[in-house]
Amino acid sequence: MTPVTISAAGSGAAAGTPNVGALAEGAARAAGVTVRTVHTVAGIRAVADFFADVWQTPRATPPYPSEVLHSLVHSGGAVHAAYSTGPSGEVLAGAAVAVFGPPAERDVYSFVAAATASGRGVGFAVKQAQRLWALERGATTMRWTFDPLVSRNVRFNLVKLGAVGSEYLVDFYGPMSDGVNNGDESDRLTVVWDLVTGTARTDDPVEGRSAADVVRRAPDGGPLALRDADRVWCRVPEDMVALRAADPALALDWRHAVREVFTEAYAEGLRATAMSRDGWYLLTRPSPEEQA
């Protein structure tokens, strides 16, 4: 296992790049973890087992088998793992996998990422380590997909990291049989993260919402979508994971309702750029830089 290299800004980065090495180091320290790239058979198998536990599948049939992860590393990708120290030694607290996209795009695809404890900062530490690794190899953007109805992940990706939702994908994977997604349709939001300048968003997604018109109602009877001349706000369930477990039919109703809002808004050229703390997306027309 190789520790993440800490450098002033990451080789290959443009002038004015934030001190990504320091950000990665500080994020790991704040989360109380050490983040390393993993190369050994035993280390990669432990990551595969970790993903199986997160997605609630048997370790014998993990969602991301160790041989697949090993092949991705061999082809030039990276498995990052975050370790905390417990009474019995190091314990896996988070992991992520990244592979390179087409060379001309200088883009990295984050294949999967997960952390065991929400709110500790482990996920942020892993993403900063991925960012540093990618910048040092000449990449300038990173993209990945996630469930657009899981609000805590939306805020992490759009607000804390400052990524932009570039495309809405309907039932992207088809039926899924893991313990988290079983019974739902696999809509996904692709986000693009500017590795060179991407930072947390400070704009307020609530501003202007109270004066916007209600244009759709949610399955719970409350407002689902609001809009003014240039913006759309869209509400998601407070806890989609819990709702899916308690009432799969209602969760699917929410899925279809949000899908309609997003597919129409994206067809108009709007993009998801933020989410409020009370679970409302903000969709706006991206800047030329964000469209690139």
Protein backbone atom coordinates (compact mmCIF):
# COMPACT_ATOMS: atom_id res chain seq x y z
CA MET A 1 0.00 0.00 0.00
CA THR A 2 1.40 3.35 -1.04
CA PRO A 3 0.68 6.50 0.98
CA VAL A 4 -0.84 9.35 -1.01
CA THR A 5 1.89 11.74 -2.07
CA ILE A 6 1.49 15.22 -0.61
CA SER A 7 2.72 17.99 -2.90
CA ALA A 8 2.31 21.74 -3.09
CA ALA A 9 -0.41 21.64 -5.70
CA GLY A 10 -0.27 18.39 -7.64
CA SER A 11 1.84 18.10 -10.78
CA GLY A 12 0.08 18.90 -14.03
CA ALA A 13 -2.19 21.46 -12.38
CA ALA A 14 -2.57 24.94 -13.76
CA ALA A 15 -1.23 28.00 -12.04
CA GLY A 16 -3.46 29.16 -9.23
CA THR A 17 -4.52 25.65 -8.23
CA PRO A 18 -5.45 25.37 -4.55
CA ASN A 19 -2.95 23.53 -2.38
CA VAL A 20 -4.65 20.20 -2.99
CA GLY A 21 -1.94 18.27 -1.16
CA ALA A 22 -2.55 20.27 1.98
CA LEU A 23 -6.32 19.90 1.55
CA ALA A 24 -5.98 16.12 1.29
CA GLU A 25 -3.67 15.94 4.29
CA GLY A 26 -5.89 18.21 6.38
CA ALA A 27 -9.08 16.35 5.45
CA ALA A 28 -7.56 13.01 6.48
CA ARG A 29 -6.32 14.48 9.75
CA ALA A 30 -9.72 16.00 10.55
CA ALA A 31 -11.45 12.67 9.86
CA GLY A 32 -8.91 10.74 11.94
CA VAL A 33 -7.91 8.47 9.07
CA THR A 34 -4.96 7.61 6.89
CA VAL A 35 -5.73 7.38 3.17
CA ARG A 36 -3.60 5.13 0.98
CA THR A 37 -3.71 3.61 -2.48
CA VAL A 38 -4.06 -0.17 -2.28
CA HIS A 39 -2.21 -2.64 -4.52
CA THR A 40 -1.93 -5.99 -2.72
CA VAL A 41 -4.30 -8.92 -3.18
CA ALA A 42 -5.17 -8.93 0.53
CA GLY A 43 -5.71 -5.17 0.66
CA ILE A 44 -7.95 -5.13 -2.41
CA ARG A 45 -9.96 -8.10 -1.12
CA ALA A 46 -10.55 -6.20 2.12
CA VAL A 47 -11.90 -3.27 0.09
CA ALA A 48 -14.19 -5.63 -1.86
CA ASP A 49 -15.48 -7.00 1.46
CA PHE A 50 -16.00 -3.44 2.70
CA PHE A 51 -18.14 -2.57 -0.35
CA ALA A 52 -20.14 -5.79 0.15
CA ASP A 53 -20.92 -4.75 3.73
CA VAL A 54 -21.94 -1.21 2.68
CA TRP A 55 -24.23 -2.48 -0.10
CA GLN A 56 -25.54 -5.29 2.13
CA THR A 57 -24.56 -8.19 -0.11
CA PRO A 58 -22.82 -11.45 0.88
CA ARG A 59 -19.05 -11.13 0.83
CA ALA A 60 -18.99 -14.14 -1.49
CA THR A 61 -20.83 -12.05 -4.11
CA PRO A 62 -19.65 -8.46 -3.59
CA PRO A 63 -20.93 -5.68 -5.86
CA TYR A 64 -17.33 -4.97 -6.88
CA PRO A 65 -15.31 -8.23 -6.89
CA SER A 66 -11.67 -8.04 -5.85
CA GLU A 67 -10.46 -9.41 -9.19
CA VAL A 68 -12.24 -6.57 -10.98
CA LEU A 69 -10.73 -4.00 -8.62
CA HIS A 70 -7.30 -5.54 -9.10
CA SER A 71 -7.67 -5.33 -12.88
CA LEU A 72 -8.65 -1.66 -12.65
CA VAL A 73 -5.51 -0.94 -10.62
CA HIS A 74 -3.38 -2.91 -13.09
CA SER A 75 -4.80 -0.85 -15.96
CA GLY A 76 -3.72 2.43 -14.33
CA GLY A 77 -6.64 3.15 -12.03
CA ALA A 78 -6.48 3.45 -8.26
CA VAL A 79 -8.17 1.99 -5.20
CA HIS A 80 -8.00 4.46 -2.32
CA ALA A 81 -8.76 3.24 1.20
CA ALA A 82 -9.18 5.21 4.42
CA TYR A 83 -8.10 3.52 7.64
CA SER A 84 -8.88 4.47 11.21
CA THR A 85 -6.99 2.99 14.13
CA GLY A 86 -8.90 0.87 16.63
CA PRO A 87 -7.97 -1.37 19.58
CA SER A 88 -7.18 -4.25 17.24
CA GLY A 89 -5.31 -2.17 14.66
CA GLU A 90 -6.32 -0.51 11.42
CA VAL A 91 -9.98 -0.61 10.37
CA LEU A 92 -11.35 0.28 6.93
CA ALA A 93 -13.53 3.37 7.22
CA GLY A 94 -13.94 4.33 3.55
CA ALA A 95 -12.81 3.49 0.04
CA ALA A 96 -13.08 4.68 -3.53
CA VAL A 97 -12.02 3.49 -6.98
CA ALA A 98 -11.05 5.69 -9.93
CA VAL A 99 -10.20 4.94 -13.56
CA PHE A 100 -9.12 7.21 -16.41
CA GLY A 101 -11.49 8.29 -19.15
CA PRO A 102 -10.55 9.09 -22.76
CA PRO A 103 -7.03 10.63 -22.79
CA ALA A 104 -8.05 13.73 -24.74
CA GLU A 105 -10.58 14.68 -22.07
CA ARG A 106 -8.07 14.61 -19.18
CA ASP A 107 -10.90 13.13 -17.17
CA VAL A 108 -11.08 10.57 -14.36
CA TYR A 109 -14.14 8.45 -13.59
CA SER A 110 -14.77 7.65 -9.93
CA PHE A 111 -16.08 4.12 -10.23
CA VAL A 112 -17.36 3.77 -6.64
CA ALA A 113 -16.96 5.46 -3.26
CA ALA A 114 -18.30 4.72 0.21
CA ALA A 115 -17.69 5.53 3.87
CA THR A 116 -18.99 3.84 7.00
CA ALA A 117 -19.72 6.89 9.15
CA SER A 118 -21.63 9.88 7.79
CA GLY A 119 -20.56 13.22 9.20
CA ARG A 120 -17.04 12.22 10.24
CA GLY A 121 -15.42 13.58 7.09
CA VAL A 122 -14.08 10.24 5.88
CA GLY A 123 -15.76 10.56 2.47
CA PHE A 124 -14.35 14.05 2.02
CA ALA A 125 -10.86 12.81 2.90
CA VAL A 126 -11.10 10.00 0.34
CA LYS A 127 -12.32 12.36 -2.40
CA GLN A 128 -9.48 14.81 -1.72
CA ALA A 129 -6.98 11.94 -1.95
CA GLN A 130 -8.54 10.87 -5.26
CA ARG A 131 -8.36 14.48 -6.46
CA LEU A 132 -4.67 14.77 -5.65
CA TRP A 133 -3.89 11.43 -7.30
CA ALA A 134 -5.74 12.46 -10.48
CA LEU A 135 -4.16 15.93 -10.68
CA GLU A 136 -0.68 14.46 -10.32
CA ARG A 137 -1.42 12.32 -13.39
CA GLY A 138 -2.63 15.21 -15.54
CA ALA A 139 -6.40 14.97 -15.12
CA THR A 140 -8.43 18.17 -14.71
CA THR A 141 -11.95 16.80 -14.07
CA MET A 142 -13.52 13.87 -12.28
CA ARG A 143 -17.01 12.49 -12.84
CA TRP A 144 -19.19 9.90 -11.13
CA THR A 145 -22.84 8.91 -10.72
CA PHE A 146 -24.99 8.67 -7.61
CA ASP A 147 -28.64 8.28 -6.58
CA PRO A 148 -30.19 11.76 -7.00
CA LEU A 149 -32.81 11.11 -4.30
CA VAL A 150 -30.34 10.53 -1.43
CA SER A 151 -30.15 14.10 -0.14
CA ARG A 152 -27.06 13.73 2.06
CA ASN A 153 -25.05 12.55 -0.96
CA VAL A 154 -26.48 15.38 -3.07
CA ARG A 155 -25.29 18.00 -0.57
CA PHE A 156 -21.88 16.34 -0.31
CA ASN A 157 -21.35 16.26 -4.07
CA LEU A 158 -22.89 19.57 -5.12
CA VAL A 159 -22.23 21.74 -2.08
CA LYS A 160 -19.23 20.43 -0.16
CA LEU A 161 -17.23 19.42 -3.25
CA GLY A 162 -18.73 21.98 -5.65
CA ALA A 163 -19.48 19.52 -8.47
CA VAL A 164 -22.20 20.14 -11.09
CA GLY A 165 -24.87 17.67 -12.20
CA SER A 166 -24.04 17.21 -15.89
CA GLU A 167 -26.67 14.63 -16.93
CA TYR A 168 -29.69 12.76 -15.58
CA LEU A 169 -29.69 9.04 -16.41
CA VAL A 170 -32.98 7.10 -16.31
CA ASP A 171 -32.72 3.58 -14.80
CA PHE A 172 -29.00 3.62 -15.60
CA TYR A 173 -28.11 0.14 -14.30
CA GLY A 174 -31.49 -1.52 -14.77
CA PRO A 175 -32.75 -3.71 -11.87
CA MET A 176 -30.39 -3.95 -8.90
CA SER A 177 -30.49 -6.70 -6.28
CA ASP A 178 -28.25 -5.41 -3.49
CA GLY A 179 -29.64 -4.77 -0.03
CA VAL A 180 -29.71 -0.98 -0.49
CA ASN A 181 -31.28 -0.54 -3.95
CA ASN A 182 -33.40 -3.68 -4.29
CA GLY A 183 -36.89 -2.97 -5.64
CA ASP A 184 -36.08 0.53 -6.88
CA GLU A 185 -35.21 1.85 -10.33
CA SER A 186 -31.63 2.97 -10.76
CA ASP A 187 -31.87 6.60 -11.91
CA ARG A 188 -28.54 8.33 -11.49
CA LEU A 189 -27.19 11.87 -11.63
CA THR A 190 -23.76 12.31 -13.20
CA VAL A 191 -21.66 15.04 -11.63
CA VAL A 192 -18.50 16.67 -12.93
CA TRP A 193 -15.96 18.00 -10.45
CA ASP A 194 -13.40 20.58 -11.55
CA LEU A 195 -10.26 19.21 -9.89
CA VAL A 196 -8.22 22.33 -10.51
CA THR A 197 -10.48 24.97 -8.99
CA GLY A 198 -13.44 23.07 -7.51
CA THR A 199 -14.35 24.24 -4.01
CA ALA A 200 -17.37 24.24 -1.73
CA ARG A 201 -20.33 26.31 -2.89
CA THR A 202 -21.25 29.36 -0.87
CA ASP A 203 -24.33 30.52 -2.81
CA ASP A 204 -27.67 30.13 -1.03
CA PRO A 205 -30.03 27.69 -2.82
CA VAL A 206 -32.95 28.97 -0.70
CA GLU A 207 -32.78 32.56 -1.97
CA GLY A 208 -35.79 33.32 -4.16
CA ARG A 209 -37.54 30.02 -3.49
CA SER A 210 -40.38 31.46 -1.41
CA ALA A 211 -41.48 33.67 -4.33
CA ALA A 212 -41.37 30.90 -6.96
CA ASP A 213 -44.49 29.26 -8.39
CA VAL A 214 -45.46 25.70 -7.46
CA VAL A 215 -45.56 23.73 -10.72
CA ARG A 216 -45.77 20.12 -9.46
CA ARG A 217 -46.97 18.31 -6.35
CA ALA A 218 -45.04 15.54 -4.59
CA PRO A 219 -46.41 12.09 -3.68
CA ASP A 220 -46.88 13.31 -0.09
CA GLY A 221 -49.14 16.14 -1.30
CA GLY A 222 -46.65 18.91 -0.66
CA PRO A 223 -44.87 20.96 -3.30
CA LEU A 224 -42.41 19.03 -5.45
CA ALA A 225 -41.19 21.57 -8.01
CA LEU A 226 -41.06 25.36 -7.96
CA ARG A 227 -39.80 27.68 -10.65
CA ASP A 228 -39.22 31.24 -11.63
CA ALA A 229 -38.00 32.62 -14.95
CA ASP A 230 -34.50 31.14 -14.71
CA ARG A 231 -34.48 28.51 -11.96
CA VAL A 232 -36.18 25.32 -10.80
CA TRP A 233 -36.26 23.96 -7.27
CA CYS A 234 -37.07 20.28 -6.72
CA ARG A 235 -37.70 18.58 -3.36
CA VAL A 236 -36.60 15.03 -2.52
CA PRO A 237 -37.59 12.79 0.42
CA GLU A 238 -35.95 13.52 3.76
CA ASP A 239 -34.42 10.00 3.87
CA MET A 240 -34.83 8.03 0.65
CA VAL A 241 -32.93 5.01 1.97
CA ALA A 242 -35.29 4.65 4.96
CA LEU A 243 -38.36 5.32 2.79
CA ARG A 244 -37.32 2.67 0.28
CA ALA A 245 -37.02 0.10 3.09
CA ALA A 246 -40.32 1.08 4.77
CA ASP A 247 -42.53 1.74 1.73
CA PRO A 248 -41.02 0.68 -1.62
CA ALA A 249 -44.13 1.70 -3.58
CA LEU A 250 -44.08 5.24 -2.22
CA ALA A 251 -40.33 5.47 -2.81
CA LEU A 252 -40.89 4.50 -6.44
CA ASP A 253 -43.59 7.17 -6.75
CA TRP A 254 -41.02 9.74 -5.57
CA ARG A 255 -38.51 8.35 -8.07
CA HIS A 256 -40.89 8.84 -10.99
CA ALA A 257 -42.00 12.29 -9.81
CA VAL A 258 -38.45 13.63 -9.45
CA ARG A 259 -37.49 12.00 -12.75
CA GLU A 260 -40.15 14.01 -14.59
CA VAL A 261 -38.90 17.27 -13.11
CA PHE A 262 -35.27 16.56 -13.93
CA THR A 263 -35.72 15.24 -17.45
CA GLU A 264 -37.80 18.31 -18.38
CA ALA A 265 -35.37 20.73 -16.71
CA TYR A 266 -32.31 19.11 -18.30
CA ALA A 267 -33.97 19.21 -21.71
CA GLU A 268 -34.22 22.99 -21.20
CA GLY A 269 -30.51 23.24 -20.41
CA LEU A 270 -30.79 23.57 -16.63
CA ARG A 271 -28.37 21.71 -14.40
CA ALA A 272 -28.36 20.73 -10.72
CA THR A 273 -25.90 23.01 -8.94
CA ALA A 274 -26.85 23.01 -5.24
CA MET A 275 -29.14 21.61 -2.55
CA SER A 276 -30.53 23.30 0.55
CA ARG A 277 -30.32 21.77 4.01
CA ASP A 278 -34.06 21.08 3.92
CA GLY A 279 -33.82 18.90 0.82
CA TRP A 280 -34.47 21.18 -2.16
CA TYR A 281 -32.36 20.97 -5.31
CA LEU A 282 -31.53 24.17 -7.15
CA LEU A 283 -31.30 23.80 -10.94
CA THR A 284 -29.84 26.71 -12.86
CA ARG A 285 -28.24 27.46 -16.20
CA PRO A 286 -24.55 26.68 -15.72
CA SER A 287 -21.80 29.14 -16.49
CA PRO A 288 -19.71 28.61 -19.67
CA GLU A 289 -16.94 27.13 -17.47
CA GLU A 290 -19.35 24.63 -15.90
CA GLN A 291 -20.71 23.66 -19.34
CA ALA A 292 -17.26 22.84 -20.64
